[in-house]
């Protein structure tokens, strides 16, 4: 946020160290938005994070399985669902679902994955319905992962935290919304 980046673990020595095996401390599921690169936002290096990026943090079986990979195979202790301000994917899904106009091609699958967040938003859209839907999408996705049949037991025994967070494009601040570990 302050602009004092350390750029850790991005040198040839780190690449050589992690070339044989990896042990990331977190999984980040974020948006495909070009302004929201988790490795840069969190100033991390090679081998620090598993990163998945989908439009509006939309999930399906392959994405969920990819999120499960770190915690289930390597004891990765943290999953972050990272949404962001002015999300174009959520805006497109919101307009499509509100207007009943399908998005072209496979973009409709993104909108379909956001129906639960849209339904919550339709009940109380707030001053900015797209931002409201973004917050709902973060919470719904994090809650679903936290309740997942395979991740849920890890959460219950304290071996995994599934956190929902919101990134401000304007300030660079990441705000934890849900699931912060005690």
N, C-alpha and C. Protein backbone atom coordinates (compact mmCIF):
# COMPACT_ATOMS: atom_id res chain seq x y z
N UNK A 1 0.82 -1.18 0.00
CA UNK A 1 0.00 0.00 0.00
C UNK A 1 0.87 1.25 0.00
N UNK A 2 1.95 1.22 0.73
CA UNK A 2 2.81 2.39 0.85
C UNK A 2 3.73 2.56 -0.36
N UNK A 3 3.86 1.53 -1.15
CA UNK A 3 4.76 1.59 -2.30
C UNK A 3 6.17 1.14 -1.97
N UNK A 4 6.40 0.72 -0.75
CA UNK A 4 7.72 0.24 -0.33
C UNK A 4 7.81 -1.27 -0.56
N UNK A 5 7.96 -1.65 -1.81
CA UNK A 5 7.98 -3.05 -2.17
C UNK A 5 9.35 -3.66 -1.91
N UNK A 6 9.35 -4.90 -1.46
CA UNK A 6 10.59 -5.61 -1.19
C UNK A 6 10.99 -6.54 -2.33
N UNK A 7 10.02 -6.96 -3.14
CA UNK A 7 10.26 -7.92 -4.23
C UNK A 7 11.10 -9.10 -3.75
N UNK A 8 10.63 -9.80 -2.71
CA UNK A 8 11.44 -10.90 -2.16
C UNK A 8 11.44 -12.13 -3.06
N UNK A 9 12.46 -12.91 -2.93
CA UNK A 9 12.51 -14.25 -3.53
C UNK A 9 12.20 -14.27 -5.02
N UNK A 10 12.81 -13.34 -5.75
CA UNK A 10 12.59 -13.31 -7.20
C UNK A 10 13.91 -13.41 -7.96
N UNK A 11 14.93 -13.90 -7.33
CA UNK A 11 16.25 -13.97 -7.96
C UNK A 11 16.56 -15.40 -8.41
N UNK A 12 17.64 -15.59 -9.15
CA UNK A 12 17.98 -16.94 -9.62
C UNK A 12 18.16 -17.95 -8.49
N UNK A 13 18.66 -17.51 -7.34
CA UNK A 13 18.85 -18.43 -6.23
C UNK A 13 17.50 -18.99 -5.76
N UNK A 14 16.49 -18.14 -5.69
CA UNK A 14 15.16 -18.60 -5.27
C UNK A 14 14.59 -19.57 -6.31
N UNK A 15 14.75 -19.23 -7.58
CA UNK A 15 14.27 -20.11 -8.64
C UNK A 15 14.89 -21.48 -8.52
N UNK A 16 16.18 -21.53 -8.27
CA UNK A 16 16.87 -22.80 -8.10
C UNK A 16 16.39 -23.54 -6.86
N UNK A 17 16.14 -22.82 -5.78
CA UNK A 17 15.68 -23.43 -4.53
C UNK A 17 14.32 -24.10 -4.69
N UNK A 18 13.40 -23.46 -5.42
CA UNK A 18 12.05 -24.01 -5.56
C UNK A 18 11.88 -24.87 -6.82
N UNK A 19 12.93 -25.03 -7.60
CA UNK A 19 12.82 -25.79 -8.85
C UNK A 19 12.43 -27.24 -8.61
N UNK A 20 12.90 -27.84 -7.54
CA UNK A 20 12.64 -29.25 -7.27
C UNK A 20 11.32 -29.50 -6.55
N UNK A 21 10.90 -28.57 -5.70
CA UNK A 21 9.67 -28.76 -4.92
C UNK A 21 9.13 -27.40 -4.49
N UNK A 22 7.85 -27.38 -4.16
CA UNK A 22 7.23 -26.14 -3.72
C UNK A 22 6.52 -26.33 -2.39
N UNK A 23 6.40 -25.23 -1.65
CA UNK A 23 5.73 -25.25 -0.36
C UNK A 23 5.10 -23.88 -0.11
N UNK A 24 4.14 -23.47 -0.96
CA UNK A 24 3.54 -22.15 -0.81
C UNK A 24 2.80 -22.00 0.52
N UNK A 25 2.78 -20.78 1.04
CA UNK A 25 2.09 -20.54 2.31
C UNK A 25 0.63 -20.16 2.08
N UNK A 26 0.23 -19.96 0.83
CA UNK A 26 -1.16 -19.60 0.59
C UNK A 26 -1.63 -19.91 -0.81
N UNK A 27 -2.96 -19.98 -0.92
CA UNK A 27 -3.66 -20.10 -2.19
C UNK A 27 -4.46 -18.81 -2.34
N UNK A 28 -4.37 -18.17 -3.50
CA UNK A 28 -5.18 -16.98 -3.75
C UNK A 28 -6.03 -17.23 -4.97
N UNK A 29 -7.35 -17.10 -4.79
CA UNK A 29 -8.30 -17.15 -5.91
C UNK A 29 -8.73 -15.72 -6.14
N UNK A 30 -8.31 -15.18 -7.27
CA UNK A 30 -8.64 -13.79 -7.57
C UNK A 30 -9.22 -13.67 -8.96
N UNK A 31 -9.51 -12.45 -9.33
CA UNK A 31 -10.10 -12.15 -10.63
C UNK A 31 -9.02 -12.12 -11.72
N UNK A 32 -9.44 -12.27 -12.95
CA UNK A 32 -8.52 -12.20 -14.08
C UNK A 32 -8.10 -10.77 -14.40
N UNK A 33 -8.70 -9.80 -13.76
CA UNK A 33 -8.42 -8.38 -14.03
C UNK A 33 -6.92 -8.10 -14.06
N UNK A 34 -6.47 -7.42 -15.09
CA UNK A 34 -5.05 -7.15 -15.27
C UNK A 34 -4.46 -6.25 -14.18
N UNK A 35 -5.32 -5.59 -13.42
CA UNK A 35 -4.86 -4.69 -12.36
C UNK A 35 -4.76 -5.40 -11.01
N UNK A 36 -5.11 -6.69 -10.97
CA UNK A 36 -5.19 -7.42 -9.71
C UNK A 36 -4.31 -8.68 -9.78
N UNK A 37 -3.02 -8.47 -9.69
CA UNK A 37 -2.06 -9.59 -9.71
C UNK A 37 -1.64 -9.90 -8.27
N UNK A 38 -2.11 -11.01 -7.70
CA UNK A 38 -1.83 -11.30 -6.29
C UNK A 38 -0.34 -11.28 -5.93
N UNK A 39 0.51 -11.80 -6.80
CA UNK A 39 1.94 -11.81 -6.49
C UNK A 39 2.48 -10.39 -6.30
N UNK A 40 1.92 -9.45 -7.03
CA UNK A 40 2.36 -8.05 -6.90
C UNK A 40 1.67 -7.37 -5.72
N UNK A 41 0.36 -7.59 -5.58
CA UNK A 41 -0.39 -6.97 -4.49
C UNK A 41 0.20 -7.35 -3.14
N UNK A 42 0.54 -8.63 -2.97
CA UNK A 42 1.07 -9.11 -1.70
C UNK A 42 2.60 -9.12 -1.67
N UNK A 43 3.24 -8.63 -2.74
CA UNK A 43 4.70 -8.51 -2.82
C UNK A 43 5.39 -9.82 -2.44
N UNK A 44 5.02 -10.88 -3.14
CA UNK A 44 5.55 -12.21 -2.86
C UNK A 44 6.52 -12.64 -3.95
N UNK A 45 7.19 -13.74 -3.70
CA UNK A 45 8.18 -14.24 -4.64
C UNK A 45 7.81 -15.60 -5.21
N UNK A 46 8.78 -16.16 -5.94
CA UNK A 46 8.59 -17.48 -6.55
C UNK A 46 8.36 -18.53 -5.47
N UNK A 47 7.33 -19.34 -5.67
CA UNK A 47 7.06 -20.43 -4.75
C UNK A 47 6.26 -20.06 -3.51
N UNK A 48 5.86 -18.79 -3.38
CA UNK A 48 5.14 -18.35 -2.19
C UNK A 48 3.64 -18.61 -2.24
N UNK A 49 3.04 -18.54 -3.43
CA UNK A 49 1.59 -18.64 -3.56
C UNK A 49 1.18 -19.57 -4.70
N UNK A 50 0.09 -20.30 -4.47
CA UNK A 50 -0.66 -20.89 -5.57
C UNK A 50 -1.65 -19.81 -5.98
N UNK A 51 -1.72 -19.48 -7.26
CA UNK A 51 -2.62 -18.41 -7.69
C UNK A 51 -3.55 -18.94 -8.78
N UNK A 52 -4.85 -18.73 -8.56
CA UNK A 52 -5.86 -19.08 -9.55
C UNK A 52 -6.60 -17.79 -9.88
N UNK A 53 -6.89 -17.58 -11.15
CA UNK A 53 -7.58 -16.36 -11.54
C UNK A 53 -8.73 -16.71 -12.47
N UNK A 54 -9.92 -16.30 -12.07
CA UNK A 54 -11.10 -16.49 -12.90
C UNK A 54 -11.90 -15.20 -12.92
N UNK A 55 -12.75 -15.02 -13.90
CA UNK A 55 -13.60 -13.84 -13.96
C UNK A 55 -14.46 -13.76 -12.71
N UNK A 56 -14.27 -12.71 -11.91
CA UNK A 56 -15.09 -12.49 -10.72
C UNK A 56 -15.01 -13.58 -9.68
N UNK A 57 -13.89 -14.28 -9.62
CA UNK A 57 -13.72 -15.39 -8.68
C UNK A 57 -14.78 -16.47 -8.86
N UNK A 58 -15.26 -16.63 -10.09
CA UNK A 58 -16.25 -17.67 -10.38
C UNK A 58 -15.59 -19.03 -10.20
N UNK A 59 -16.33 -19.96 -9.59
CA UNK A 59 -15.76 -21.28 -9.36
C UNK A 59 -16.61 -22.36 -10.00
N UNK A 60 -15.99 -23.47 -10.22
CA UNK A 60 -16.60 -24.69 -10.72
C UNK A 60 -15.71 -25.82 -10.24
N UNK A 61 -15.98 -27.06 -10.64
CA UNK A 61 -15.22 -28.19 -10.13
C UNK A 61 -13.70 -28.12 -10.35
N UNK A 62 -13.26 -27.68 -11.52
CA UNK A 62 -11.82 -27.62 -11.78
C UNK A 62 -11.16 -26.56 -10.90
N UNK A 63 -11.80 -25.41 -10.77
CA UNK A 63 -11.25 -24.34 -9.93
C UNK A 63 -11.24 -24.78 -8.46
N UNK A 64 -12.34 -25.35 -8.01
CA UNK A 64 -12.39 -25.81 -6.62
C UNK A 64 -11.32 -26.87 -6.36
N UNK A 65 -11.16 -27.80 -7.28
CA UNK A 65 -10.11 -28.81 -7.14
C UNK A 65 -8.73 -28.18 -7.09
N UNK A 66 -8.52 -27.15 -7.87
CA UNK A 66 -7.23 -26.46 -7.87
C UNK A 66 -6.99 -25.73 -6.55
N UNK A 67 -8.04 -25.15 -5.97
CA UNK A 67 -7.92 -24.52 -4.65
C UNK A 67 -7.60 -25.59 -3.61
N UNK A 68 -8.23 -26.74 -3.71
CA UNK A 68 -8.01 -27.83 -2.75
C UNK A 68 -6.58 -28.38 -2.79
N UNK A 69 -5.93 -28.27 -3.92
CA UNK A 69 -4.62 -28.90 -4.12
C UNK A 69 -3.62 -28.57 -3.01
N UNK A 70 -3.38 -27.30 -2.75
CA UNK A 70 -2.39 -26.91 -1.74
C UNK A 70 -2.72 -27.40 -0.34
N UNK A 71 -3.92 -27.10 0.17
CA UNK A 71 -4.25 -27.56 1.52
C UNK A 71 -4.30 -29.08 1.65
N UNK A 72 -4.73 -29.78 0.61
CA UNK A 72 -4.92 -31.23 0.73
C UNK A 72 -3.66 -32.03 0.44
N UNK A 73 -2.72 -31.46 -0.33
CA UNK A 73 -1.51 -32.23 -0.67
C UNK A 73 -0.26 -31.70 0.02
N UNK A 74 -0.30 -30.45 0.45
CA UNK A 74 0.91 -29.88 1.04
C UNK A 74 0.69 -29.11 2.32
N UNK A 75 -0.49 -29.22 2.89
CA UNK A 75 -0.82 -28.53 4.14
C UNK A 75 -0.72 -27.01 4.05
N UNK A 76 -0.99 -26.45 2.88
CA UNK A 76 -1.02 -24.99 2.74
C UNK A 76 -2.09 -24.46 3.70
N UNK A 77 -1.73 -23.54 4.60
CA UNK A 77 -2.65 -23.15 5.67
C UNK A 77 -3.62 -22.01 5.37
N UNK A 78 -3.54 -21.43 4.18
CA UNK A 78 -4.34 -20.24 3.91
C UNK A 78 -4.90 -20.25 2.50
N UNK A 79 -6.19 -19.93 2.39
CA UNK A 79 -6.84 -19.68 1.10
C UNK A 79 -7.44 -18.28 1.19
N UNK A 80 -7.16 -17.45 0.20
CA UNK A 80 -7.73 -16.10 0.13
C UNK A 80 -8.56 -15.99 -1.14
N UNK A 81 -9.83 -15.62 -0.97
CA UNK A 81 -10.69 -15.28 -2.10
C UNK A 81 -10.62 -13.77 -2.20
N UNK A 82 -9.99 -13.27 -3.27
CA UNK A 82 -9.69 -11.85 -3.40
C UNK A 82 -10.51 -11.21 -4.51
N UNK A 83 -11.53 -10.46 -4.11
CA UNK A 83 -12.30 -9.66 -5.06
C UNK A 83 -11.74 -8.26 -5.11
N UNK A 84 -12.30 -7.43 -5.99
CA UNK A 84 -11.73 -6.09 -6.12
C UNK A 84 -12.75 -5.06 -6.59
N UNK A 85 -12.39 -3.84 -6.38
CA UNK A 85 -13.17 -2.67 -6.77
C UNK A 85 -13.30 -2.61 -8.30
N UNK A 86 -14.46 -2.17 -8.76
CA UNK A 86 -14.74 -1.98 -10.19
C UNK A 86 -14.45 -3.22 -11.03
N UNK A 87 -14.99 -4.35 -10.62
CA UNK A 87 -14.78 -5.62 -11.32
C UNK A 87 -15.64 -5.68 -12.58
N UNK A 88 -15.00 -5.75 -13.72
CA UNK A 88 -15.71 -5.80 -15.00
C UNK A 88 -16.49 -7.09 -15.19
N UNK A 89 -15.96 -8.20 -14.70
CA UNK A 89 -16.65 -9.49 -14.84
C UNK A 89 -17.94 -9.48 -14.02
N UNK A 90 -17.88 -8.93 -12.82
CA UNK A 90 -19.09 -8.88 -11.99
C UNK A 90 -20.07 -7.87 -12.56
N UNK A 91 -19.58 -6.77 -13.09
CA UNK A 91 -20.47 -5.79 -13.71
C UNK A 91 -21.21 -6.42 -14.90
N UNK A 92 -20.49 -7.15 -15.74
CA UNK A 92 -21.12 -7.81 -16.90
C UNK A 92 -22.14 -8.84 -16.44
N UNK A 93 -21.79 -9.63 -15.42
CA UNK A 93 -22.72 -10.64 -14.90
C UNK A 93 -23.95 -9.97 -14.30
N UNK A 94 -23.75 -8.91 -13.55
CA UNK A 94 -24.87 -8.19 -12.92
C UNK A 94 -25.84 -7.69 -14.00
N UNK A 95 -25.31 -7.03 -15.01
CA UNK A 95 -26.16 -6.49 -16.08
C UNK A 95 -26.88 -7.61 -16.84
N UNK A 96 -26.18 -8.69 -17.09
CA UNK A 96 -26.77 -9.83 -17.80
C UNK A 96 -27.90 -10.45 -16.99
N UNK A 97 -27.65 -10.69 -15.72
CA UNK A 97 -28.65 -11.33 -14.87
C UNK A 97 -29.83 -10.40 -14.61
N UNK A 98 -29.57 -9.13 -14.42
CA UNK A 98 -30.65 -8.17 -14.17
C UNK A 98 -31.52 -8.00 -15.41
N UNK A 99 -30.88 -7.93 -16.58
CA UNK A 99 -31.62 -7.70 -17.81
C UNK A 99 -32.13 -8.96 -18.48
N UNK A 100 -31.71 -10.12 -17.99
CA UNK A 100 -32.13 -11.38 -18.61
C UNK A 100 -31.53 -11.59 -19.98
N UNK A 101 -30.41 -10.94 -20.24
CA UNK A 101 -29.73 -11.05 -21.53
C UNK A 101 -28.46 -11.86 -21.36
N UNK A 102 -28.40 -13.04 -21.95
CA UNK A 102 -27.21 -13.88 -21.79
C UNK A 102 -25.95 -13.21 -22.36
N UNK A 103 -24.84 -13.48 -21.73
CA UNK A 103 -23.55 -13.03 -22.25
C UNK A 103 -23.12 -13.97 -23.37
N UNK A 104 -22.28 -13.50 -24.28
CA UNK A 104 -21.86 -14.35 -25.40
C UNK A 104 -20.91 -15.47 -24.98
N UNK A 105 -20.97 -16.56 -25.73
CA UNK A 105 -20.03 -17.67 -25.54
C UNK A 105 -20.01 -18.21 -24.12
N UNK A 106 -18.84 -18.56 -23.68
CA UNK A 106 -18.67 -19.13 -22.34
C UNK A 106 -18.70 -18.08 -21.24
N UNK A 107 -18.80 -16.81 -21.60
CA UNK A 107 -18.95 -15.77 -20.59
C UNK A 107 -20.22 -16.00 -19.77
N UNK A 108 -21.21 -16.62 -20.39
CA UNK A 108 -22.45 -16.90 -19.67
C UNK A 108 -22.21 -17.84 -18.49
N UNK A 109 -21.23 -18.71 -18.59
CA UNK A 109 -20.90 -19.62 -17.48
C UNK A 109 -20.42 -18.82 -16.27
N UNK A 110 -19.73 -17.71 -16.51
CA UNK A 110 -19.29 -16.85 -15.41
C UNK A 110 -20.50 -16.23 -14.73
N UNK A 111 -21.42 -15.69 -15.54
CA UNK A 111 -22.63 -15.10 -14.97
C UNK A 111 -23.44 -16.14 -14.19
N UNK A 112 -23.56 -17.34 -14.74
CA UNK A 112 -24.32 -18.40 -14.07
C UNK A 112 -23.70 -18.74 -12.71
N UNK A 113 -22.37 -18.75 -12.64
CA UNK A 113 -21.70 -19.06 -11.37
C UNK A 113 -21.94 -17.98 -10.32
N UNK A 114 -22.36 -16.79 -10.76
CA UNK A 114 -22.57 -15.67 -9.83
C UNK A 114 -24.03 -15.46 -9.44
N UNK A 115 -24.89 -16.36 -9.83
CA UNK A 115 -26.32 -16.22 -9.50
C UNK A 115 -26.56 -16.07 -8.00
N UNK A 116 -25.93 -16.87 -7.13
CA UNK A 116 -26.18 -16.67 -5.69
C UNK A 116 -25.82 -15.25 -5.21
N UNK A 117 -24.71 -14.72 -5.67
CA UNK A 117 -24.31 -13.35 -5.29
C UNK A 117 -25.28 -12.33 -5.88
N UNK A 118 -25.73 -12.58 -7.10
CA UNK A 118 -26.70 -11.67 -7.72
C UNK A 118 -28.01 -11.65 -6.93
N UNK A 119 -28.48 -12.83 -6.55
CA UNK A 119 -29.75 -12.91 -5.82
C UNK A 119 -29.68 -12.16 -4.49
N UNK A 120 -28.55 -12.25 -3.81
CA UNK A 120 -28.37 -11.47 -2.57
C UNK A 120 -28.36 -9.98 -2.87
N UNK A 121 -27.74 -9.60 -3.96
CA UNK A 121 -27.64 -8.19 -4.35
C UNK A 121 -29.01 -7.65 -4.77
N UNK A 122 -29.78 -8.45 -5.47
CA UNK A 122 -31.11 -8.00 -5.93
C UNK A 122 -32.01 -7.64 -4.75
N UNK A 123 -31.83 -8.33 -3.62
CA UNK A 123 -32.64 -8.04 -2.43
C UNK A 123 -32.28 -6.70 -1.79
N UNK A 124 -31.00 -6.33 -1.87
CA UNK A 124 -30.55 -5.07 -1.28
C UNK A 124 -29.32 -4.60 -2.06
N UNK A 125 -29.54 -3.85 -3.17
CA UNK A 125 -28.44 -3.50 -4.05
C UNK A 125 -27.47 -2.43 -3.52
N UNK A 126 -27.86 -1.69 -2.51
CA UNK A 126 -26.99 -0.64 -2.00
C UNK A 126 -26.80 0.47 -3.01
N UNK A 127 -25.91 1.40 -2.70
CA UNK A 127 -25.67 2.55 -3.57
C UNK A 127 -24.99 2.15 -4.87
N UNK A 128 -24.15 1.14 -4.83
CA UNK A 128 -23.44 0.65 -6.01
C UNK A 128 -23.67 -0.85 -6.11
N UNK A 129 -24.66 -1.28 -6.90
CA UNK A 129 -25.00 -2.71 -6.95
C UNK A 129 -23.84 -3.61 -7.40
N UNK A 130 -22.98 -3.12 -8.27
CA UNK A 130 -21.86 -3.94 -8.72
C UNK A 130 -20.89 -4.16 -7.57
N UNK A 131 -20.61 -3.13 -6.80
CA UNK A 131 -19.72 -3.28 -5.65
C UNK A 131 -20.38 -4.17 -4.59
N UNK A 132 -21.67 -4.00 -4.41
CA UNK A 132 -22.40 -4.86 -3.48
C UNK A 132 -22.31 -6.31 -3.92
N UNK A 133 -22.49 -6.55 -5.21
CA UNK A 133 -22.41 -7.92 -5.72
C UNK A 133 -20.99 -8.47 -5.59
N UNK A 134 -19.99 -7.62 -5.76
CA UNK A 134 -18.61 -8.05 -5.58
C UNK A 134 -18.40 -8.55 -4.16
N UNK A 135 -18.87 -7.80 -3.18
CA UNK A 135 -18.74 -8.21 -1.79
C UNK A 135 -19.49 -9.53 -1.52
N UNK A 136 -20.68 -9.65 -2.10
CA UNK A 136 -21.43 -10.90 -1.94
C UNK A 136 -20.70 -12.07 -2.61
N UNK A 137 -20.13 -11.84 -3.78
CA UNK A 137 -19.42 -12.91 -4.49
C UNK A 137 -18.22 -13.40 -3.68
N UNK A 138 -17.50 -12.47 -3.08
CA UNK A 138 -16.36 -12.85 -2.23
C UNK A 138 -16.85 -13.72 -1.08
N UNK A 139 -17.88 -13.26 -0.39
CA UNK A 139 -18.38 -13.98 0.79
C UNK A 139 -18.96 -15.34 0.40
N UNK A 140 -19.77 -15.39 -0.64
CA UNK A 140 -20.38 -16.65 -1.07
C UNK A 140 -19.29 -17.67 -1.44
N UNK A 141 -18.29 -17.22 -2.20
CA UNK A 141 -17.22 -18.12 -2.63
C UNK A 141 -16.41 -18.61 -1.44
N UNK A 142 -16.02 -17.70 -0.54
CA UNK A 142 -15.25 -18.09 0.65
C UNK A 142 -16.07 -19.03 1.53
N UNK A 143 -17.35 -18.71 1.73
CA UNK A 143 -18.20 -19.57 2.55
C UNK A 143 -18.33 -20.97 1.95
N UNK A 144 -18.50 -21.03 0.62
CA UNK A 144 -18.61 -22.33 -0.05
C UNK A 144 -17.33 -23.14 0.11
N UNK A 145 -16.18 -22.49 -0.03
CA UNK A 145 -14.91 -23.21 0.13
C UNK A 145 -14.72 -23.65 1.58
N UNK A 146 -15.12 -22.80 2.52
CA UNK A 146 -14.99 -23.12 3.94
C UNK A 146 -15.87 -24.32 4.31
N UNK A 147 -17.00 -24.47 3.62
CA UNK A 147 -17.94 -25.57 3.90
C UNK A 147 -17.71 -26.79 3.01
N UNK A 148 -16.74 -26.70 2.12
CA UNK A 148 -16.42 -27.78 1.19
C UNK A 148 -16.14 -29.08 1.95
N UNK A 149 -16.58 -30.19 1.39
CA UNK A 149 -16.45 -31.49 2.07
C UNK A 149 -15.01 -31.84 2.41
N UNK A 150 -14.06 -31.40 1.61
CA UNK A 150 -12.65 -31.72 1.86
C UNK A 150 -11.93 -30.62 2.64
N UNK A 151 -12.25 -29.36 2.36
CA UNK A 151 -11.59 -28.26 3.07
C UNK A 151 -12.21 -27.98 4.43
N UNK A 152 -13.52 -28.20 4.55
CA UNK A 152 -14.23 -27.93 5.79
C UNK A 152 -13.60 -28.56 7.02
N UNK A 153 -13.25 -29.86 6.97
CA UNK A 153 -12.62 -30.47 8.15
C UNK A 153 -11.28 -29.82 8.52
N UNK A 154 -10.53 -29.36 7.52
CA UNK A 154 -9.26 -28.67 7.79
C UNK A 154 -9.52 -27.34 8.48
N UNK A 155 -10.59 -26.65 8.05
CA UNK A 155 -10.96 -25.38 8.67
C UNK A 155 -11.38 -25.63 10.12
N UNK A 156 -12.21 -26.65 10.33
CA UNK A 156 -12.72 -26.94 11.67
C UNK A 156 -11.61 -27.27 12.67
N UNK A 157 -10.58 -27.96 12.21
CA UNK A 157 -9.51 -28.31 13.15
C UNK A 157 -8.42 -27.23 13.22
N UNK A 158 -8.62 -26.11 12.51
CA UNK A 158 -7.69 -24.98 12.59
C UNK A 158 -6.44 -25.11 11.74
N UNK A 159 -6.42 -26.08 10.83
CA UNK A 159 -5.27 -26.26 9.95
C UNK A 159 -5.35 -25.40 8.70
N UNK A 160 -6.52 -24.79 8.47
CA UNK A 160 -6.72 -23.98 7.27
C UNK A 160 -7.64 -22.81 7.58
N UNK A 161 -7.27 -21.65 7.07
CA UNK A 161 -8.14 -20.48 7.13
C UNK A 161 -8.55 -20.15 5.70
N UNK A 162 -9.84 -19.92 5.49
CA UNK A 162 -10.35 -19.49 4.19
C UNK A 162 -10.89 -18.08 4.39
N UNK A 163 -10.20 -17.11 3.79
CA UNK A 163 -10.45 -15.70 4.02
C UNK A 163 -11.03 -15.05 2.77
N UNK A 164 -12.06 -14.24 2.95
CA UNK A 164 -12.58 -13.42 1.87
C UNK A 164 -12.02 -12.02 2.03
N UNK A 165 -11.48 -11.45 0.95
CA UNK A 165 -10.86 -10.14 1.04
C UNK A 165 -11.20 -9.30 -0.19
N UNK A 166 -11.15 -7.98 0.00
CA UNK A 166 -11.51 -7.01 -1.05
C UNK A 166 -10.33 -6.07 -1.27
N UNK A 167 -9.93 -5.93 -2.53
CA UNK A 167 -8.80 -5.08 -2.91
C UNK A 167 -9.31 -3.78 -3.51
N UNK A 168 -8.86 -2.66 -2.96
CA UNK A 168 -9.21 -1.34 -3.49
C UNK A 168 -8.19 -0.94 -4.55
N UNK A 169 -8.67 -0.75 -5.78
CA UNK A 169 -7.79 -0.29 -6.84
C UNK A 169 -7.29 1.12 -6.55
N UNK A 170 -8.12 1.91 -5.88
CA UNK A 170 -7.76 3.31 -5.61
C UNK A 170 -6.66 3.45 -4.58
N UNK A 171 -6.70 2.63 -3.52
CA UNK A 171 -5.77 2.81 -2.41
C UNK A 171 -4.69 1.73 -2.32
N UNK A 172 -4.94 0.57 -2.91
CA UNK A 172 -4.02 -0.56 -2.77
C UNK A 172 -4.25 -1.36 -1.49
N UNK A 173 -5.27 -0.99 -0.73
CA UNK A 173 -5.56 -1.68 0.54
C UNK A 173 -6.32 -2.97 0.27
N UNK A 174 -5.96 -4.01 1.03
CA UNK A 174 -6.71 -5.26 1.04
C UNK A 174 -7.43 -5.35 2.37
N UNK A 175 -8.75 -5.42 2.30
CA UNK A 175 -9.59 -5.48 3.49
C UNK A 175 -10.11 -6.90 3.67
N UNK A 176 -9.88 -7.49 4.82
CA UNK A 176 -10.40 -8.82 5.12
C UNK A 176 -11.88 -8.68 5.46
N UNK A 177 -12.74 -9.40 4.75
CA UNK A 177 -14.18 -9.33 4.94
C UNK A 177 -14.72 -10.47 5.78
N UNK A 178 -14.16 -11.65 5.64
CA UNK A 178 -14.70 -12.82 6.29
C UNK A 178 -13.63 -13.87 6.47
N UNK A 179 -13.75 -14.67 7.51
CA UNK A 179 -12.88 -15.83 7.70
C UNK A 179 -11.52 -15.55 8.29
N UNK A 180 -11.30 -14.37 8.85
CA UNK A 180 -9.98 -14.08 9.43
C UNK A 180 -9.70 -15.07 10.56
N UNK A 181 -8.51 -15.66 10.58
CA UNK A 181 -8.18 -16.59 11.67
C UNK A 181 -8.14 -15.86 13.01
N UNK A 182 -8.47 -16.58 14.07
CA UNK A 182 -8.50 -15.98 15.40
C UNK A 182 -7.10 -15.67 15.89
